[in-house]
């Protein structure tokens, strides 16, 4: 495991929000991070162009009402990731 990946170890098995440098947000259980990819299970892959909600509002609603799962498994290219945080850390204030 590279030094850059070590901070992700505490997120494995937990529901995370993955922001990418595209109009998508990913919410799901982090199961693996290796090399060029991060793996989420029971994930919501949401195209922000498909709704009027901002990224922040969509994530906040997912925190309050639950993850809208639409993928059993998804792999996200690490080079596209802007941030990863725990869904439980999402707050409106």
Protein backbone atom coordinates (compact mmCIF):
# COMPACT_ATOMS: atom_id res chain seq x y z
CA UNK A 1 0.00 0.00 0.00
CA UNK A 2 1.41 3.38 -0.93
CA UNK A 3 1.67 6.19 1.60
CA UNK A 4 -1.01 8.05 -0.38
CA UNK A 5 -3.49 5.20 0.11
CA UNK A 6 -2.97 4.65 3.86
CA UNK A 7 -5.58 7.28 4.92
CA UNK A 8 -8.25 5.26 3.07
CA UNK A 9 -7.71 2.18 5.24
CA UNK A 10 -10.01 3.53 7.95
CA UNK A 11 -12.82 3.94 5.37
CA UNK A 12 -12.89 0.31 4.21
CA UNK A 13 -16.25 -1.27 5.01
CA UNK A 14 -17.91 2.12 5.52
CA UNK A 15 -20.21 4.18 3.32
CA UNK A 16 -18.28 6.95 1.60
CA UNK A 17 -18.93 9.85 -0.74
CA UNK A 18 -16.56 10.05 -3.67
CA UNK A 19 -16.43 13.37 -5.50
CA UNK A 20 -14.85 13.30 -8.93
CA UNK A 21 -13.80 15.92 -11.45
CA UNK A 22 -16.93 15.29 -13.52
CA UNK A 23 -20.65 15.92 -12.95
CA UNK A 24 -20.99 12.67 -11.01
CA UNK A 25 -21.03 11.75 -7.35
CA UNK A 26 -20.56 8.21 -6.03
CA UNK A 27 -21.91 6.98 -2.69
CA UNK A 28 -21.33 3.44 -1.51
CA UNK A 29 -19.40 1.06 0.69
CA UNK A 30 -15.66 1.25 0.10
CA UNK A 31 -14.43 -2.30 -0.33
CA UNK A 32 -11.06 -1.86 -1.99
CA UNK A 33 -8.52 0.64 -3.15
CA UNK A 34 -5.68 -0.62 -5.24
CA UNK A 35 -3.48 0.98 -7.81
CA UNK A 36 -5.53 3.08 -10.14
CA UNK A 37 -9.02 2.24 -8.82
CA UNK A 38 -11.31 2.54 -5.83
CA UNK A 39 -14.06 -0.07 -5.52
CA UNK A 40 -17.53 0.59 -4.07
CA UNK A 41 -20.30 -1.93 -3.46
CA UNK A 42 -24.03 -1.24 -3.17
CA UNK A 43 -23.35 2.14 -4.72
CA UNK A 44 -25.31 5.09 -5.99
CA UNK A 45 -23.76 6.50 -9.16
CA UNK A 46 -25.51 9.81 -9.65
CA UNK A 47 -25.20 12.02 -12.73
CA UNK A 48 -25.80 15.52 -11.40
CA UNK A 49 -27.04 16.63 -14.82
CA UNK A 50 -30.11 14.41 -14.29
CA UNK A 51 -31.52 16.46 -11.40
CA UNK A 52 -31.92 20.00 -10.17
CA UNK A 53 -30.18 19.19 -6.89
CA UNK A 54 -26.68 20.47 -6.29
CA UNK A 55 -23.97 18.00 -5.35
CA UNK A 56 -24.14 19.15 -1.73
CA UNK A 57 -27.93 18.82 -1.51
CA UNK A 58 -27.92 15.38 -3.15
CA UNK A 59 -25.27 14.08 -0.74
CA UNK A 60 -27.05 15.62 2.28
CA UNK A 61 -30.33 13.94 1.27
CA UNK A 62 -28.51 10.64 0.88
CA UNK A 63 -27.13 11.09 4.38
CA UNK A 64 -30.58 11.81 5.79
CA UNK A 65 -32.71 9.33 3.81
CA UNK A 66 -30.30 6.61 2.75
CA UNK A 67 -28.23 5.64 -0.26
CA UNK A 68 -30.17 5.14 -3.50
CA UNK A 69 -28.34 2.01 -4.66
CA UNK A 70 -28.20 1.51 -8.42
CA UNK A 71 -24.97 -0.49 -8.78
CA UNK A 72 -23.85 -3.68 -7.06
CA UNK A 73 -20.22 -2.89 -7.85
CA UNK A 74 -18.43 0.11 -9.32
CA UNK A 75 -14.78 0.96 -9.91
CA UNK A 76 -13.70 4.61 -9.97
CA UNK A 77 -10.42 5.70 -11.53
CA UNK A 78 -8.26 7.21 -8.81
CA UNK A 79 -6.99 9.96 -11.10
CA UNK A 80 -10.56 11.35 -11.32
CA UNK A 81 -11.13 11.51 -7.56
CA UNK A 82 -11.21 14.95 -5.97
CA UNK A 83 -12.20 13.86 -2.45
CA UNK A 84 -13.45 10.94 -0.38
CA UNK A 85 -15.34 11.36 2.88
CA UNK A 86 -17.53 9.28 5.14
CA UNK A 87 -21.24 9.72 4.48
CA UNK A 88 -21.74 9.97 8.23
CA UNK A 89 -19.52 13.10 8.24
CA UNK A 90 -21.88 14.98 5.91
CA UNK A 91 -23.52 17.90 7.66
CA UNK A 92 -25.67 20.87 6.74
CA UNK A 93 -23.89 23.18 9.19
